[in-house]
Amino acid sequence: MLELGFLYFNINEKIMGNVSYYTVEGLKNLREELEQLEHVDRPRVTNDIAEARDKGDLSENAEYHAAKEEQSLLELKIAKLKQVLSSARLIDESQLDNSKILIHSKTKIKNTANGMAFNYTLVADSESDLSAGKISVNSPIGKGLLGKKVGEVAEITVPNGTMKFKIIDISR
């Protein structure tokens, strides 16, 4: 599934509308995680519940209650992951416009106050990893950078105030 046409016209609306954009690798990782949760973790937790139930009185059985709580959290995680996958869209990065910052753009920015430069890739929420330089498009910095072009200055409101970043480079 490839949805690119609207990216150039209204990316902010689509990102805010719970649609998330992924690379082939990112989508594959989500599907693998769901597979692990449904076919490995779920049967293990079910087995833990059965074993704890066999030990007798459920009202005082800490193992049973812990396994039931784990099952509840696991089912919630599975449901959330299915929701993310249902709204996930695959992006062909070779088709994206490099003249402005979009999702999956690699960008170099410079803090105008202290001159420090940063390299970031804008990604979907579930792919964000600050230590790898991947920030969510829904983060304050991600939102502030979307649509900006090389040479422009992005004024971004963060918890500590407003920061200004000059866009140095954009690539894929």
N, C-alpha and C. Protein backbone atom coordinates (compact mmCIF):
# COMPACT_ATOMS: atom_id res chain seq x y z
N MET A 1 0.85 -1.16 0.00
CA MET A 1 0.00 0.00 0.00
C MET A 1 0.90 1.23 0.00
N LEU A 2 0.70 2.11 -0.95
CA LEU A 2 1.57 3.27 -1.10
C LEU A 2 0.70 4.51 -1.20
N GLU A 3 0.81 5.37 -0.20
CA GLU A 3 0.06 6.61 -0.20
C GLU A 3 1.03 7.76 -0.15
N LEU A 4 1.23 8.44 -1.26
CA LEU A 4 2.20 9.52 -1.28
C LEU A 4 1.62 10.85 -1.70
N GLY A 5 0.62 10.86 -2.53
CA GLY A 5 0.14 12.09 -3.10
C GLY A 5 -0.21 13.15 -2.08
N PHE A 6 -0.88 12.77 -1.01
CA PHE A 6 -1.29 13.76 -0.01
C PHE A 6 -0.14 14.26 0.82
N LEU A 7 0.98 13.55 0.85
CA LEU A 7 2.10 13.96 1.69
C LEU A 7 2.59 15.36 1.34
N TYR A 8 2.55 15.69 0.10
CA TYR A 8 3.07 16.97 -0.32
C TYR A 8 2.10 18.11 -0.02
N PHE A 9 0.83 17.79 0.21
CA PHE A 9 -0.16 18.83 0.39
C PHE A 9 -0.58 19.03 1.83
N ASN A 10 -0.68 17.94 2.61
CA ASN A 10 -1.24 18.11 3.94
C ASN A 10 -0.71 17.06 4.90
N ILE A 11 0.58 16.98 5.04
CA ILE A 11 1.18 15.95 5.89
C ILE A 11 0.79 16.13 7.35
N ASN A 12 0.69 17.35 7.85
CA ASN A 12 0.36 17.56 9.26
C ASN A 12 -1.00 16.98 9.61
N GLU A 13 -1.99 17.15 8.75
CA GLU A 13 -3.32 16.63 9.03
C GLU A 13 -3.30 15.11 9.07
N LYS A 14 -2.61 14.49 8.15
CA LYS A 14 -2.58 13.03 8.11
C LYS A 14 -1.83 12.45 9.29
N ILE A 15 -0.74 13.07 9.70
CA ILE A 15 0.02 12.56 10.85
C ILE A 15 -0.82 12.72 12.11
N MET A 16 -1.48 13.83 12.25
CA MET A 16 -2.28 14.05 13.45
C MET A 16 -3.53 13.18 13.46
N GLY A 17 -3.95 12.64 12.32
CA GLY A 17 -5.14 11.81 12.21
C GLY A 17 -4.86 10.35 12.51
N ASN A 18 -3.85 10.05 13.33
CA ASN A 18 -3.50 8.71 13.76
C ASN A 18 -2.97 7.81 12.66
N VAL A 19 -2.70 8.32 11.49
CA VAL A 19 -2.05 7.55 10.45
C VAL A 19 -0.56 7.68 10.68
N SER A 20 0.14 6.55 10.69
CA SER A 20 1.58 6.56 10.89
C SER A 20 2.26 5.98 9.66
N TYR A 21 3.41 6.53 9.33
CA TYR A 21 4.12 6.13 8.12
C TYR A 21 5.38 5.39 8.49
N TYR A 22 5.60 4.27 7.83
CA TYR A 22 6.72 3.39 8.16
C TYR A 22 7.49 2.99 6.93
N THR A 23 8.77 2.70 7.16
CA THR A 23 9.58 2.09 6.13
C THR A 23 9.25 0.60 6.13
N VAL A 24 9.75 -0.12 5.15
CA VAL A 24 9.53 -1.57 5.09
C VAL A 24 10.06 -2.22 6.38
N GLU A 25 11.23 -1.79 6.81
CA GLU A 25 11.85 -2.36 8.01
C GLU A 25 11.01 -2.06 9.26
N GLY A 26 10.54 -0.84 9.39
CA GLY A 26 9.73 -0.46 10.55
C GLY A 26 8.44 -1.25 10.64
N LEU A 27 7.77 -1.43 9.49
CA LEU A 27 6.53 -2.19 9.45
C LEU A 27 6.80 -3.66 9.75
N LYS A 28 7.90 -4.18 9.24
CA LYS A 28 8.28 -5.58 9.50
C LYS A 28 8.52 -5.78 11.00
N ASN A 29 9.19 -4.84 11.65
CA ASN A 29 9.45 -4.95 13.09
C ASN A 29 8.15 -4.96 13.89
N LEU A 30 7.19 -4.12 13.50
CA LEU A 30 5.90 -4.10 14.20
C LEU A 30 5.18 -5.44 14.05
N ARG A 31 5.18 -5.98 12.85
CA ARG A 31 4.51 -7.27 12.61
C ARG A 31 5.19 -8.40 13.38
N GLU A 32 6.52 -8.36 13.44
CA GLU A 32 7.25 -9.38 14.20
C GLU A 32 6.95 -9.29 15.69
N GLU A 33 6.84 -8.08 16.20
CA GLU A 33 6.51 -7.90 17.61
C GLU A 33 5.12 -8.45 17.91
N LEU A 34 4.15 -8.16 17.03
CA LEU A 34 2.80 -8.68 17.22
C LEU A 34 2.80 -10.21 17.17
N GLU A 35 3.53 -10.77 16.24
CA GLU A 35 3.64 -12.23 16.12
C GLU A 35 4.20 -12.82 17.42
N GLN A 36 5.23 -12.21 17.97
CA GLN A 36 5.84 -12.67 19.24
C GLN A 36 4.82 -12.62 20.37
N LEU A 37 4.11 -11.51 20.46
CA LEU A 37 3.14 -11.35 21.55
C LEU A 37 2.00 -12.36 21.44
N GLU A 38 1.48 -12.56 20.22
CA GLU A 38 0.32 -13.43 20.05
C GLU A 38 0.67 -14.92 20.10
N HIS A 39 1.82 -15.30 19.56
CA HIS A 39 2.11 -16.73 19.39
C HIS A 39 3.14 -17.28 20.35
N VAL A 40 3.82 -16.42 21.10
CA VAL A 40 4.80 -16.90 22.08
C VAL A 40 4.38 -16.45 23.49
N ASP A 41 4.22 -15.15 23.67
CA ASP A 41 3.93 -14.62 25.01
C ASP A 41 2.53 -14.99 25.49
N ARG A 42 1.52 -14.89 24.62
CA ARG A 42 0.15 -15.19 25.04
C ARG A 42 0.01 -16.65 25.50
N PRO A 43 0.51 -17.64 24.73
CA PRO A 43 0.42 -19.03 25.21
C PRO A 43 1.19 -19.26 26.52
N ARG A 44 2.33 -18.59 26.67
CA ARG A 44 3.10 -18.73 27.91
C ARG A 44 2.31 -18.22 29.11
N VAL A 45 1.68 -17.06 28.97
CA VAL A 45 0.90 -16.49 30.07
C VAL A 45 -0.32 -17.37 30.37
N THR A 46 -0.95 -17.86 29.33
CA THR A 46 -2.10 -18.75 29.52
C THR A 46 -1.68 -19.99 30.30
N ASN A 47 -0.53 -20.53 29.97
CA ASN A 47 0.01 -21.69 30.68
C ASN A 47 0.33 -21.34 32.14
N ASP A 48 0.89 -20.15 32.37
CA ASP A 48 1.18 -19.71 33.74
C ASP A 48 -0.09 -19.62 34.57
N ILE A 49 -1.17 -19.14 33.97
CA ILE A 49 -2.46 -19.04 34.67
C ILE A 49 -2.98 -20.42 35.02
N ALA A 50 -2.90 -21.34 34.06
CA ALA A 50 -3.38 -22.71 34.29
C ALA A 50 -2.59 -23.39 35.41
N GLU A 51 -1.27 -23.20 35.40
CA GLU A 51 -0.44 -23.81 36.46
C GLU A 51 -0.76 -23.22 37.82
N ALA A 52 -0.94 -21.91 37.87
CA ALA A 52 -1.26 -21.26 39.14
C ALA A 52 -2.64 -21.69 39.64
N ARG A 53 -3.59 -21.86 38.72
CA ARG A 53 -4.94 -22.27 39.07
C ARG A 53 -4.92 -23.67 39.69
N ASP A 54 -4.05 -24.53 39.19
CA ASP A 54 -3.95 -25.91 39.69
C ASP A 54 -3.41 -25.99 41.11
N LYS A 55 -2.88 -24.88 41.61
CA LYS A 55 -2.27 -24.90 42.95
C LYS A 55 -3.30 -24.68 44.06
N GLY A 56 -4.54 -24.52 43.72
CA GLY A 56 -5.57 -24.46 44.76
C GLY A 56 -6.25 -23.13 44.89
N ASP A 57 -6.52 -22.72 46.11
CA ASP A 57 -7.30 -21.55 46.46
C ASP A 57 -6.83 -20.30 45.71
N LEU A 58 -7.69 -19.77 44.83
CA LEU A 58 -7.32 -18.63 43.99
C LEU A 58 -7.32 -17.31 44.77
N SER A 59 -8.06 -17.22 45.83
CA SER A 59 -8.15 -15.96 46.57
C SER A 59 -6.83 -15.59 47.24
N GLU A 60 -6.00 -16.56 47.55
CA GLU A 60 -4.71 -16.29 48.20
C GLU A 60 -3.54 -16.71 47.32
N ASN A 61 -3.77 -16.87 46.05
CA ASN A 61 -2.74 -17.37 45.14
C ASN A 61 -2.09 -16.19 44.41
N ALA A 62 -0.94 -15.73 44.90
CA ALA A 62 -0.25 -14.57 44.32
C ALA A 62 0.21 -14.85 42.89
N GLU A 63 0.63 -16.08 42.63
CA GLU A 63 1.07 -16.43 41.27
C GLU A 63 -0.07 -16.28 40.27
N TYR A 64 -1.26 -16.71 40.67
CA TYR A 64 -2.43 -16.62 39.80
C TYR A 64 -2.75 -15.15 39.50
N HIS A 65 -2.78 -14.33 40.54
CA HIS A 65 -3.13 -12.92 40.35
C HIS A 65 -2.07 -12.19 39.52
N ALA A 66 -0.80 -12.53 39.71
CA ALA A 66 0.27 -11.92 38.92
C ALA A 66 0.15 -12.33 37.45
N ALA A 67 -0.16 -13.60 37.21
CA ALA A 67 -0.31 -14.08 35.83
C ALA A 67 -1.52 -13.44 35.15
N LYS A 68 -2.61 -13.27 35.91
CA LYS A 68 -3.80 -12.61 35.34
C LYS A 68 -3.51 -11.15 35.01
N GLU A 69 -2.75 -10.48 35.87
CA GLU A 69 -2.39 -9.09 35.60
C GLU A 69 -1.49 -9.01 34.37
N GLU A 70 -0.54 -9.94 34.26
CA GLU A 70 0.34 -9.97 33.09
C GLU A 70 -0.48 -10.22 31.82
N GLN A 71 -1.47 -11.11 31.92
CA GLN A 71 -2.33 -11.38 30.77
C GLN A 71 -3.09 -10.12 30.35
N SER A 72 -3.59 -9.40 31.32
CA SER A 72 -4.33 -8.17 31.04
C SER A 72 -3.45 -7.15 30.32
N LEU A 73 -2.23 -6.95 30.82
CA LEU A 73 -1.30 -6.01 30.20
C LEU A 73 -0.89 -6.46 28.80
N LEU A 74 -0.71 -7.77 28.65
CA LEU A 74 -0.33 -8.32 27.34
C LEU A 74 -1.44 -8.10 26.32
N GLU A 75 -2.69 -8.36 26.71
CA GLU A 75 -3.81 -8.17 25.80
C GLU A 75 -3.97 -6.70 25.42
N LEU A 76 -3.70 -5.81 26.36
CA LEU A 76 -3.75 -4.37 26.07
C LEU A 76 -2.67 -4.00 25.06
N LYS A 77 -1.48 -4.53 25.25
CA LYS A 77 -0.38 -4.25 24.33
C LYS A 77 -0.68 -4.79 22.93
N ILE A 78 -1.26 -5.98 22.86
CA ILE A 78 -1.63 -6.57 21.56
C ILE A 78 -2.67 -5.70 20.87
N ALA A 79 -3.67 -5.27 21.61
CA ALA A 79 -4.73 -4.43 21.03
C ALA A 79 -4.16 -3.11 20.50
N LYS A 80 -3.27 -2.48 21.28
CA LYS A 80 -2.67 -1.22 20.85
C LYS A 80 -1.82 -1.42 19.60
N LEU A 81 -1.06 -2.51 19.56
CA LEU A 81 -0.21 -2.79 18.41
C LEU A 81 -1.05 -3.06 17.17
N LYS A 82 -2.16 -3.76 17.33
CA LYS A 82 -3.07 -4.00 16.20
C LYS A 82 -3.65 -2.68 15.69
N GLN A 83 -3.96 -1.78 16.61
CA GLN A 83 -4.48 -0.47 16.22
C GLN A 83 -3.43 0.31 15.43
N VAL A 84 -2.19 0.29 15.90
CA VAL A 84 -1.10 0.97 15.18
C VAL A 84 -0.95 0.37 13.79
N LEU A 85 -0.95 -0.95 13.69
CA LEU A 85 -0.79 -1.60 12.39
C LEU A 85 -1.96 -1.31 11.46
N SER A 86 -3.16 -1.16 12.01
CA SER A 86 -4.32 -0.90 11.15
C SER A 86 -4.24 0.49 10.51
N SER A 87 -3.53 1.40 11.14
CA SER A 87 -3.41 2.75 10.57
C SER A 87 -2.02 3.01 9.99
N ALA A 88 -1.21 1.97 9.89
CA ALA A 88 0.14 2.12 9.36
C ALA A 88 0.12 2.19 7.84
N ARG A 89 0.95 3.03 7.30
CA ARG A 89 1.09 3.17 5.85
C ARG A 89 2.56 3.03 5.50
N LEU A 90 2.81 2.39 4.38
CA LEU A 90 4.17 2.16 3.91
C LEU A 90 4.60 3.34 3.05
N ILE A 91 5.80 3.81 3.29
CA ILE A 91 6.34 4.93 2.51
C ILE A 91 7.46 4.44 1.63
N ASP A 92 7.42 4.85 0.38
CA ASP A 92 8.54 4.63 -0.53
C ASP A 92 9.37 5.90 -0.45
N GLU A 93 10.47 5.83 0.30
CA GLU A 93 11.27 7.02 0.56
C GLU A 93 11.84 7.64 -0.71
N SER A 94 12.02 6.85 -1.74
CA SER A 94 12.58 7.38 -2.99
C SER A 94 11.61 8.34 -3.68
N GLN A 95 10.35 8.30 -3.31
CA GLN A 95 9.34 9.16 -3.94
C GLN A 95 9.09 10.46 -3.18
N LEU A 96 9.73 10.64 -2.04
CA LEU A 96 9.47 11.82 -1.23
C LEU A 96 10.27 13.02 -1.70
N ASP A 97 9.73 14.19 -1.46
CA ASP A 97 10.32 15.47 -1.82
C ASP A 97 11.45 15.80 -0.84
N ASN A 98 12.67 15.95 -1.35
CA ASN A 98 13.82 16.27 -0.49
C ASN A 98 13.97 17.76 -0.22
N SER A 99 13.11 18.59 -0.78
CA SER A 99 13.28 20.03 -0.60
C SER A 99 12.75 20.52 0.74
N LYS A 100 11.96 19.69 1.43
CA LYS A 100 11.44 20.08 2.74
C LYS A 100 11.41 18.86 3.66
N ILE A 101 11.33 19.13 4.93
CA ILE A 101 11.36 18.06 5.93
C ILE A 101 9.99 17.39 6.01
N LEU A 102 10.00 16.08 5.77
CA LEU A 102 8.82 15.24 5.89
C LEU A 102 9.17 14.06 6.78
N ILE A 103 8.21 13.19 7.02
CA ILE A 103 8.52 11.99 7.78
C ILE A 103 9.58 11.19 7.03
N HIS A 104 10.49 10.62 7.76
CA HIS A 104 11.64 9.85 7.26
C HIS A 104 12.71 10.73 6.62
N SER A 105 12.60 12.04 6.80
CA SER A 105 13.68 12.93 6.38
C SER A 105 14.81 12.84 7.38
N LYS A 106 16.02 12.83 6.85
CA LYS A 106 17.20 12.97 7.71
C LYS A 106 17.59 14.43 7.60
N THR A 107 17.72 15.07 8.73
CA THR A 107 17.98 16.49 8.71
C THR A 107 19.08 16.87 9.69
N LYS A 108 19.84 17.86 9.30
CA LYS A 108 20.85 18.43 10.19
C LYS A 108 20.36 19.81 10.55
N ILE A 109 20.28 20.08 11.85
CA ILE A 109 19.81 21.37 12.32
C ILE A 109 20.86 21.95 13.27
N LYS A 110 20.83 23.28 13.39
CA LYS A 110 21.78 23.96 14.28
C LYS A 110 21.00 24.88 15.21
N ASN A 111 21.26 24.73 16.50
CA ASN A 111 20.65 25.59 17.50
C ASN A 111 21.24 26.99 17.32
N THR A 112 20.41 27.97 17.04
CA THR A 112 20.92 29.32 16.77
C THR A 112 21.46 30.00 18.04
N ALA A 113 21.04 29.54 19.22
CA ALA A 113 21.50 30.16 20.46
C ALA A 113 22.91 29.74 20.84
N ASN A 114 23.23 28.45 20.67
CA ASN A 114 24.55 27.99 21.11
C ASN A 114 25.41 27.39 20.01
N GLY A 115 24.86 27.30 18.79
CA GLY A 115 25.63 26.81 17.65
C GLY A 115 25.78 25.30 17.57
N MET A 116 25.17 24.56 18.51
CA MET A 116 25.28 23.10 18.48
C MET A 116 24.46 22.54 17.32
N ALA A 117 25.04 21.56 16.62
CA ALA A 117 24.36 20.93 15.49
C ALA A 117 23.88 19.54 15.90
N PHE A 118 22.75 19.15 15.35
CA PHE A 118 22.14 17.85 15.63
C PHE A 118 21.71 17.21 14.32
N ASN A 119 21.80 15.89 14.26
CA ASN A 119 21.29 15.13 13.13
C ASN A 119 20.12 14.29 13.61
N TYR A 120 18.98 14.44 12.96
CA TYR A 120 17.79 13.70 13.34
C TYR A 120 17.14 13.10 12.10
N THR A 121 16.45 11.99 12.33
CA THR A 121 15.56 11.41 11.33
C THR A 121 14.17 11.44 11.94
N LEU A 122 13.20 11.98 11.22
CA LEU A 122 11.82 12.02 11.72
C LEU A 122 11.14 10.70 11.40
N VAL A 123 10.59 10.06 12.42
CA VAL A 123 9.98 8.75 12.27
C VAL A 123 8.64 8.70 12.99
N ALA A 124 7.91 7.60 12.80
CA ALA A 124 6.66 7.37 13.52
C ALA A 124 6.96 7.17 15.01
N ASP A 125 5.95 7.37 15.84
CA ASP A 125 6.12 7.26 17.29
C ASP A 125 6.80 5.97 17.71
N SER A 126 6.35 4.85 17.17
CA SER A 126 6.87 3.56 17.63
C SER A 126 8.30 3.29 17.17
N GLU A 127 8.81 4.07 16.22
CA GLU A 127 10.17 3.88 15.75
C GLU A 127 11.16 4.85 16.41
N SER A 128 10.66 5.77 17.21
CA SER A 128 11.54 6.79 17.78
C SER A 128 12.56 6.18 18.73
N ASP A 129 13.78 6.71 18.65
CA ASP A 129 14.90 6.24 19.47
C ASP A 129 15.91 7.39 19.50
N LEU A 130 15.85 8.20 20.53
CA LEU A 130 16.68 9.40 20.60
C LEU A 130 18.16 9.06 20.54
N SER A 131 18.57 7.95 21.14
CA SER A 131 19.99 7.59 21.12
C SER A 131 20.48 7.27 19.70
N ALA A 132 19.56 6.89 18.81
CA ALA A 132 19.91 6.62 17.41
C ALA A 132 19.61 7.83 16.52
N GLY A 133 19.19 8.94 17.12
CA GLY A 133 18.89 10.14 16.35
C GLY A 133 17.55 10.09 15.63
N LYS A 134 16.64 9.22 16.09
CA LYS A 134 15.31 9.10 15.48
C LYS A 134 14.30 9.72 16.42
N ILE A 135 13.67 10.82 15.96
CA ILE A 135 12.67 11.48 16.80
C ILE A 135 11.30 11.38 16.15
N SER A 136 10.30 11.33 16.98
CA SER A 136 8.93 11.21 16.52
C SER A 136 8.47 12.49 15.83
N VAL A 137 7.70 12.32 14.76
CA VAL A 137 7.12 13.49 14.10
C VAL A 137 6.10 14.16 15.00
N ASN A 138 5.65 13.47 16.04
CA ASN A 138 4.67 14.04 16.97
C ASN A 138 5.32 14.70 18.18
N SER A 139 6.64 14.65 18.27
CA SER A 139 7.34 15.34 19.36
C SER A 139 7.34 16.84 19.05
N PRO A 140 7.58 17.67 20.05
CA PRO A 140 7.61 19.12 19.78
C PRO A 140 8.63 19.49 18.69
N ILE A 141 9.81 18.92 18.73
CA ILE A 141 10.83 19.23 17.72
C ILE A 141 10.39 18.70 16.36
N GLY A 142 9.88 17.46 16.33
CA GLY A 142 9.41 16.88 15.08
C GLY A 142 8.32 17.71 14.42
N LYS A 143 7.34 18.13 15.22
CA LYS A 143 6.26 18.96 14.69
C LYS A 143 6.79 20.30 14.18
N GLY A 144 7.74 20.87 14.90
CA GLY A 144 8.30 22.16 14.51
C GLY A 144 9.13 22.11 13.25
N LEU A 145 9.72 20.94 12.95
CA LEU A 145 10.57 20.81 11.76
C LEU A 145 9.79 20.47 10.50
N LEU A 146 8.63 19.83 10.64
CA LEU A 146 7.86 19.41 9.47
C LEU A 146 7.58 20.57 8.51
N GLY A 147 7.87 20.33 7.26
CA GLY A 147 7.59 21.31 6.21
C GLY A 147 8.66 22.37 6.02
N LYS A 148 9.65 22.41 6.89
CA LYS A 148 10.72 23.42 6.77
C LYS A 148 11.69 23.04 5.66
N LYS A 149 12.34 24.06 5.08
CA LYS A 149 13.31 23.88 4.00
C LYS A 149 14.69 24.31 4.48
N VAL A 150 15.72 23.90 3.74
CA VAL A 150 17.09 24.27 4.06
C VAL A 150 17.19 25.80 4.11
N GLY A 151 17.83 26.29 5.15
CA GLY A 151 18.00 27.73 5.33
C GLY A 151 16.95 28.37 6.21
N GLU A 152 15.81 27.74 6.36
CA GLU A 152 14.76 28.29 7.21
C GLU A 152 15.11 28.08 8.68
N VAL A 153 14.50 28.88 9.53
CA VAL A 153 14.66 28.74 10.97
C VAL A 153 13.33 28.29 11.56
N ALA A 154 13.38 27.19 12.30
CA ALA A 154 12.19 26.66 12.96
C ALA A 154 12.18 27.15 14.41
N GLU A 155 11.11 27.82 14.80
CA GLU A 155 10.93 28.23 16.19
C GLU A 155 10.06 27.18 16.85
N ILE A 156 10.64 26.50 17.82
CA ILE A 156 9.97 25.35 18.43
C ILE A 156 9.77 25.61 19.92
N THR A 157 8.53 25.46 20.36
CA THR A 157 8.21 25.62 21.77
C THR A 157 8.42 24.29 22.47
N VAL A 158 9.32 24.31 23.43
CA VAL A 158 9.63 23.13 24.24
C VAL A 158 9.34 23.48 25.69
N PRO A 159 9.34 22.50 26.60
CA PRO A 159 9.02 22.82 27.99
C PRO A 159 9.85 23.95 28.61
N ASN A 160 11.08 24.13 28.14
CA ASN A 160 11.95 25.18 28.70
C ASN A 160 11.79 26.53 28.01
N GLY A 161 10.89 26.65 27.06
CA GLY A 161 10.71 27.90 26.34
C GLY A 161 10.70 27.68 24.84
N THR A 162 11.16 28.67 24.10
CA THR A 162 11.20 28.58 22.65
C THR A 162 12.65 28.46 22.18
N MET A 163 12.89 27.51 21.29
CA MET A 163 14.23 27.31 20.73
C MET A 163 14.16 27.58 19.23
N LYS A 164 15.25 28.05 18.69
CA LYS A 164 15.32 28.29 17.26
C LYS A 164 16.39 27.39 16.66
N PHE A 165 16.00 26.69 15.59
CA PHE A 165 16.92 25.79 14.89
C PHE A 165 16.97 26.17 13.42
N LYS A 166 18.17 26.33 12.90
CA LYS A 166 18.34 26.61 11.48
C LYS A 166 18.49 25.25 10.78
N ILE A 167 17.78 25.09 9.66
CA ILE A 167 17.85 23.85 8.89
C ILE A 167 19.09 23.92 8.01
N ILE A 168 20.02 23.00 8.23
CA ILE A 168 21.30 22.99 7.49
C ILE A 168 21.23 22.06 6.28
N ASP A 169 20.63 20.88 6.46
CA ASP A 169 20.60 19.89 5.37
C ASP A 169 19.39 18.98 5.53
N ILE A 170 18.88 18.49 4.39
CA ILE A 170 17.79 17.52 4.36
C ILE A 170 18.17 16.43 3.36
N SER A 171 18.03 15.19 3.78
CA SER A 171 18.31 14.07 2.88
C SER A 171 17.39 12.91 3.22
N ARG A 172 17.53 11.83 2.47
CA ARG A 172 16.75 10.61 2.73
C ARG A 172 17.67 9.51 3.14
